[in-house]
Amino acid sequence: MTEADFAFLRLLLQQRSGLSLSADKRYLAESRLGILCRRRNIADLTSLIDQLRYGRNRALESAVVDAMTTNETLFFRDKTPFDLFREVILPERIAANAATRTLRIWCAAVSSGQEAYSLAMLIDDAAERLHGWKIDILGTDISAEILEKARAGVYSQFEVQRGLPIQMLLKHFQQRGDTWQISERLRAMVEFRQHNLLDPNEHFGRFDVIFCRNVLIYFDVPTKVKVLDLLSPRLFANGAFVLGTPETVLGLTTKLAADADHRGLHRPASGIVPASDRFMRREAVAGRRG
């Protein structure tokens, strides 16, 4: 791949998906797109870039974006965000939404679905407290191909061994030959839809919880700002926004602020209670109890 072809590819990926491909990733592009060429019977990388440059083929552009997108994920990835959901976020939402008995969760950049299904399992564990509730989990991704895998809910032995406790495997999955399929009941809890995080999202409505983990790291600063500006209005005023461990909103948006008590958890800035006020409230509650 020539310098000019690689420069064109980097610009295309930036414009279509927000993916910021650094200059030292040419080998990665050549490897992944070489596979795409063979799958589509395209002679070589030069021919592929020519088709992208002159053909205006949206389907091919999407295939290139799919090929270059990192879909690394696993069940209960990093563990801490899921402990946070079970121990902090879910109890908060149960208390806050007692009147409406609804819970809406958005897993952005959901890849092959493990994050959304992990949350569904935790919600299933709280079934007694959520009896009669309407639960909506939306999983979105830019890749149509990876979403087909997510909808099927079929995973290899290797995939279910990565992060999934054995008791949850036996409870929620059925073995089918060399693969495991998640239960129909949990699959029915999650809706998967194709969506580019750079596109408008008002039609999704608003959510109690948004997980957007380990995706901002692939974007440059202006793209991070745009994505956060698009996502933050989709959160209810007292909602929860969860980023990946290496990610932050600091210097990127004033619409979200880190929760001082829980690492990785962010709140709409308008709903943040100053630390001094939180202390005063705790003291007042303690005084009433005394």
Protein backbone atom coordinates (compact mmCIF):
# COMPACT_ATOMS: atom_id res chain seq x y z
CA MET A 1 0.00 0.00 0.00
CA THR A 2 1.49 3.33 -1.05
CA GLU A 3 1.72 6.35 1.25
CA ALA A 4 -0.99 8.06 -0.80
CA ASP A 5 -3.30 5.05 -0.61
CA PHE A 6 -2.77 4.74 3.14
CA ALA A 7 -3.43 8.46 3.63
CA PHE A 8 -6.68 8.11 1.67
CA LEU A 9 -7.69 5.10 3.77
CA ARG A 10 -6.99 6.91 7.03
CA LEU A 11 -9.14 9.86 5.92
CA LEU A 12 -11.95 7.57 4.80
CA LEU A 13 -12.00 5.73 8.12
CA GLN A 14 -11.95 9.02 10.03
CA GLN A 15 -14.87 10.44 8.05
CA ARG A 16 -17.01 7.30 8.01
CA SER A 17 -16.47 5.94 11.50
CA GLY A 18 -14.36 8.33 13.55
CA LEU A 19 -11.60 5.72 13.74
CA SER A 20 -8.23 7.42 14.06
CA LEU A 21 -5.66 5.12 12.46
CA SER A 22 -2.13 6.14 13.39
CA ALA A 23 0.66 6.29 10.83
CA ASP A 24 2.34 3.19 12.25
CA LYS A 25 -0.72 0.98 11.63
CA ARG A 26 -0.16 0.47 7.92
CA TYR A 27 0.84 -3.17 8.50
CA LEU A 28 -2.48 -3.74 10.31
CA ALA A 29 -4.44 -2.19 7.45
CA GLU A 30 -2.58 -4.30 4.88
CA SER A 31 -3.22 -7.48 6.86
CA ARG A 32 -6.91 -6.94 7.52
CA LEU A 33 -7.76 -5.52 4.11
CA GLY A 34 -5.77 -8.27 2.41
CA ILE A 35 -8.21 -10.74 3.93
CA LEU A 36 -11.12 -8.59 2.71
CA CYS A 37 -9.67 -8.58 -0.82
CA ARG A 38 -9.51 -12.36 -0.86
CA ARG A 39 -13.07 -12.66 0.45
CA ARG A 40 -14.38 -10.31 -2.22
CA ASN A 41 -12.16 -11.50 -5.08
CA ILE A 42 -10.47 -8.11 -5.38
CA ALA A 43 -7.09 -8.42 -7.05
CA ASP A 44 -5.00 -6.49 -4.53
CA LEU A 45 -4.94 -3.55 -2.14
CA THR A 46 -4.35 -1.07 -4.94
CA SER A 47 -7.52 -2.25 -6.66
CA LEU A 48 -9.42 -2.03 -3.39
CA ILE A 49 -8.32 1.55 -2.76
CA ASP A 50 -9.15 2.49 -6.36
CA GLN A 51 -12.68 1.12 -5.91
CA LEU A 52 -13.04 3.11 -2.72
CA ARG A 53 -11.62 6.25 -4.25
CA TYR A 54 -13.58 6.24 -7.50
CA GLY A 55 -16.46 3.78 -7.08
CA ARG A 56 -18.46 5.47 -4.31
CA ASN A 57 -19.50 2.00 -3.18
CA ARG A 58 -21.11 2.41 0.25
CA ALA A 59 -21.31 -1.34 0.81
CA LEU A 60 -17.58 -1.69 0.20
CA GLU A 61 -16.85 1.27 2.45
CA SER A 62 -18.86 -0.39 5.21
CA ALA A 63 -16.97 -3.64 4.69
CA VAL A 64 -13.66 -1.79 5.02
CA VAL A 65 -14.82 -0.08 8.21
CA ASP A 66 -15.94 -3.48 9.56
CA ALA A 67 -12.56 -4.99 8.73
CA MET A 68 -10.65 -2.19 10.46
CA THR A 69 -12.86 -2.01 13.56
CA THR A 70 -11.53 -3.73 16.66
CA ASN A 71 -14.20 -6.09 18.01
CA GLU A 72 -12.31 -7.33 21.06
CA THR A 73 -14.76 -8.09 23.86
CA LEU A 74 -15.63 -10.73 26.42
CA PHE A 75 -18.22 -11.49 29.07
CA PHE A 76 -17.95 -9.31 32.19
CA ARG A 77 -14.94 -7.56 30.70
CA ASP A 78 -12.82 -5.81 33.37
CA LYS A 79 -15.30 -7.02 36.06
CA THR A 80 -15.33 -3.69 37.98
CA PRO A 81 -17.97 -1.95 35.78
CA PHE A 82 -20.30 -4.91 36.27
CA ASP A 83 -19.76 -4.91 40.03
CA LEU A 84 -20.55 -1.19 39.86
CA PHE A 85 -23.75 -1.91 37.94
CA ARG A 86 -24.90 -4.63 40.33
CA GLU A 87 -23.97 -2.90 43.59
CA VAL A 88 -24.53 0.80 42.83
CA ILE A 89 -26.27 1.61 39.55
CA LEU A 90 -29.02 -1.01 39.57
CA PRO A 91 -30.14 -0.35 43.17
CA GLU A 92 -30.18 3.38 42.37
CA ARG A 93 -32.36 2.85 39.33
CA ILE A 94 -34.74 0.53 41.17
CA ALA A 95 -35.28 3.23 43.78
CA ALA A 96 -35.48 6.12 41.29
CA ASN A 97 -37.83 4.36 38.85
CA ALA A 98 -40.15 2.72 41.38
CA ALA A 99 -43.12 4.67 40.01
CA THR A 100 -42.57 3.96 36.31
CA ARG A 101 -41.06 0.47 36.76
CA THR A 102 -38.96 0.89 33.64
CA LEU A 103 -35.24 0.51 33.03
CA ARG A 104 -33.49 1.49 29.79
CA ILE A 105 -29.85 0.67 29.09
CA TRP A 106 -27.75 1.47 26.03
CA CYS A 107 -24.56 -0.47 25.28
CA ALA A 108 -22.81 1.62 22.63
CA ALA A 109 -20.21 -0.12 20.44
CA VAL A 110 -21.52 -3.46 21.71
CA SER A 111 -19.52 -5.61 19.29
CA SER A 112 -20.62 -9.28 19.44
CA GLY A 113 -22.96 -8.72 22.36
CA GLN A 114 -21.12 -10.00 25.43
CA GLU A 115 -21.45 -6.71 27.34
CA ALA A 116 -25.21 -6.47 26.79
CA TYR A 117 -25.77 -10.11 27.71
CA SER A 118 -23.60 -9.74 30.82
CA LEU A 119 -25.89 -6.92 31.99
CA ALA A 120 -28.94 -9.03 31.12
CA MET A 121 -27.60 -11.80 33.38
CA LEU A 122 -27.17 -9.37 36.27
CA ILE A 123 -30.70 -8.09 35.74
CA ASP A 124 -31.96 -11.66 35.71
CA ASP A 125 -30.24 -12.19 39.08
CA ALA A 126 -32.36 -9.29 40.39
CA ALA A 127 -35.59 -10.71 38.94
CA GLU A 128 -37.48 -10.61 42.25
CA ARG A 129 -36.85 -6.88 42.68
CA LEU A 130 -37.69 -6.22 39.04
CA HIS A 131 -40.86 -8.28 38.79
CA GLY A 132 -43.32 -6.51 36.50
CA TRP A 133 -40.73 -4.04 35.23
CA LYS A 134 -40.21 -3.18 31.56
CA ILE A 135 -36.54 -3.75 30.79
CA ASP A 136 -35.03 -2.44 27.55
CA ILE A 137 -31.39 -3.09 26.66
CA LEU A 138 -30.20 -1.59 23.38
CA GLY A 139 -26.92 -2.74 21.87
CA THR A 140 -25.55 -0.78 18.93
CA ASP A 141 -22.50 -1.13 16.73
CA ILE A 142 -21.29 0.20 13.40
CA SER A 143 -20.68 -3.31 12.07
CA ALA A 144 -23.69 -5.11 10.60
CA GLU A 145 -21.73 -8.36 10.46
CA ILE A 146 -20.79 -8.40 14.14
CA LEU A 147 -24.37 -7.57 15.11
CA GLU A 148 -25.60 -10.72 13.38
CA LYS A 149 -23.38 -12.70 15.71
CA ALA A 150 -24.70 -10.72 18.68
CA ARG A 151 -28.33 -11.41 17.74
CA ALA A 152 -27.66 -15.14 17.36
CA GLY A 153 -26.03 -15.24 20.80
CA VAL A 154 -23.85 -18.19 19.79
CA TYR A 155 -20.32 -18.33 21.20
CA SER A 156 -17.39 -20.69 20.99
CA GLN A 157 -15.97 -22.62 23.92
CA PHE A 158 -13.09 -20.13 23.99
CA GLU A 159 -15.46 -17.15 24.13
CA VAL A 160 -17.57 -18.48 27.02
CA GLN A 161 -14.44 -19.35 28.98
CA ARG A 162 -13.30 -15.70 28.90
CA GLY A 163 -14.79 -13.98 31.93
CA LEU A 164 -18.03 -15.96 32.21
CA PRO A 165 -18.52 -17.69 35.59
CA ILE A 166 -19.32 -21.39 35.17
CA GLN A 167 -22.57 -21.07 37.12
CA MET A 168 -23.83 -18.42 34.68
CA LEU A 169 -22.78 -20.54 31.71
CA LEU A 170 -24.81 -23.48 33.00
CA LYS A 171 -27.77 -21.28 33.95
CA HIS A 172 -28.09 -19.16 30.83
CA PHE A 173 -26.59 -21.17 27.95
CA GLN A 174 -27.35 -24.34 26.04
CA GLN A 175 -24.56 -26.30 24.45
CA ARG A 176 -24.98 -26.91 20.75
CA GLY A 177 -22.17 -29.10 19.50
CA ASP A 178 -18.95 -27.15 19.86
CA THR A 179 -20.74 -23.88 20.65
CA TRP A 180 -22.95 -22.38 23.35
CA GLN A 181 -26.11 -20.32 22.75
CA ILE A 182 -27.47 -17.90 25.30
CA SER A 183 -31.07 -18.50 26.35
CA GLU A 184 -33.94 -17.18 24.30
CA ARG A 185 -35.21 -15.35 27.38
CA LEU A 186 -32.04 -13.28 27.67
CA ARG A 187 -31.82 -12.75 23.91
CA ALA A 188 -35.34 -11.29 24.06
CA MET A 189 -34.15 -8.70 26.61
CA VAL A 190 -31.68 -7.13 24.15
CA GLU A 191 -32.34 -5.32 20.89
CA PHE A 192 -29.37 -4.94 18.56
CA ARG A 193 -29.31 -2.13 16.00
CA GLN A 194 -26.69 -0.82 13.62
CA HIS A 195 -25.59 2.68 14.52
CA ASN A 196 -22.61 4.93 13.89
CA LEU A 197 -21.73 6.91 17.02
CA LEU A 198 -21.10 9.95 14.81
CA ASP A 199 -24.72 9.95 13.61
CA PRO A 200 -27.77 11.60 15.24
CA ASN A 201 -29.42 9.41 17.88
CA GLU A 202 -32.52 11.27 19.07
CA HIS A 203 -34.75 8.47 17.79
CA PHE A 204 -33.39 6.14 20.48
CA GLY A 205 -34.98 8.18 23.24
CA ARG A 206 -33.37 8.55 26.66
CA PHE A 207 -31.70 6.04 28.95
CA ASP A 208 -31.11 5.37 32.62
CA VAL A 209 -27.69 3.88 31.93
CA ILE A 210 -25.25 4.19 29.03
CA PHE A 211 -22.22 1.93 28.71
CA CYS A 212 -19.69 3.30 26.22
CA ARG A 213 -16.55 1.41 27.11
CA ASN A 214 -13.23 1.03 25.32
CA VAL A 215 -14.28 2.85 22.16
CA LEU A 216 -13.21 6.46 22.75
CA ILE A 217 -9.59 5.27 22.87
CA TYR A 218 -9.76 4.72 19.10
CA PHE A 219 -10.86 8.31 18.34
CA ASP A 220 -8.96 11.58 18.11
CA VAL A 221 -9.92 14.41 20.45
CA PRO A 222 -12.44 16.20 18.17
CA THR A 223 -14.21 12.90 17.52
CA LYS A 224 -14.30 12.07 21.23
CA VAL A 225 -15.89 15.47 21.86
CA LYS A 226 -18.50 14.88 19.17
CA VAL A 227 -19.39 11.39 20.43
CA LEU A 228 -19.78 12.59 24.02
CA ASP A 229 -21.85 15.57 22.86
CA LEU A 230 -24.16 13.17 21.02
CA LEU A 231 -24.42 10.61 23.81
CA SER A 232 -24.81 12.81 26.89
CA PRO A 233 -28.27 14.22 25.96
CA ARG A 234 -29.57 10.67 25.70
CA LEU A 235 -29.09 10.19 29.44
CA PHE A 236 -31.77 10.99 32.01
CA ALA A 237 -30.81 13.79 34.40
CA ASN A 238 -30.05 11.34 37.21
CA GLY A 239 -28.65 8.61 34.97
CA ALA A 240 -25.32 6.76 34.90
CA PHE A 241 -22.67 6.88 32.16
CA VAL A 242 -19.93 4.22 32.26
CA LEU A 243 -16.64 4.53 30.41
CA GLY A 244 -13.74 2.11 30.12
CA THR A 245 -10.89 2.11 32.62
CA PRO A 246 -8.44 4.11 30.46
CA GLU A 247 -11.06 6.64 29.35
CA THR A 248 -12.07 10.02 30.75
CA VAL A 249 -14.38 12.93 29.99
CA LEU A 250 -11.91 15.42 31.47
CA GLY A 251 -11.22 18.20 28.99
CA LEU A 252 -13.70 16.73 26.49
CA THR A 253 -17.13 17.77 27.73
CA THR A 254 -18.79 19.81 30.44
CA LYS A 255 -22.02 17.83 30.13
CA LEU A 256 -20.71 14.85 32.09
CA ALA A 257 -18.71 14.74 35.30
CA ALA A 258 -16.96 11.93 37.11
CA ASP A 259 -18.72 10.53 40.17
CA ALA A 260 -16.35 11.23 43.04
CA ASP A 261 -17.29 8.03 44.84
CA HIS A 262 -17.10 5.50 42.02
CA ARG A 263 -14.30 5.18 39.48
CA GLY A 264 -15.49 4.85 35.90
CA LEU A 265 -18.95 6.19 36.68
CA HIS A 266 -20.04 9.55 35.27
CA ARG A 267 -23.18 11.61 35.76
CA PRO A 268 -24.89 14.40 33.84
CA ALA A 269 -23.15 17.53 35.13
CA SER A 270 -26.47 19.23 35.83
CA GLY A 271 -27.36 16.44 38.26
CA ILE A 272 -24.08 16.32 40.17
CA VAL A 273 -24.37 17.12 43.86
CA PRO A 274 -21.26 18.95 45.15
CA ALA A 275 -19.17 16.97 47.63
CA SER A 276 -19.85 19.52 50.38
CA ASP A 277 -23.60 19.14 49.87
CA ARG A 278 -23.35 15.36 49.95
CA PHE A 279 -21.48 15.60 53.25
CA MET A 280 -24.11 17.95 54.69
CA ARG A 281 -26.88 15.58 53.65
CA ARG A 282 -25.15 12.57 55.21
CA GLU A 283 -24.63 14.54 58.42
CA ALA A 284 -28.29 15.59 58.45
CA VAL A 285 -29.43 11.99 57.95
CA ALA A 286 -27.07 10.80 60.69
CA GLY A 287 -28.43 13.50 63.00
CA ARG A 288 -32.03 12.44 62.41
CA ARG A 289 -31.12 8.81 63.11
CA GLY A 290 -29.36 9.84 66.32
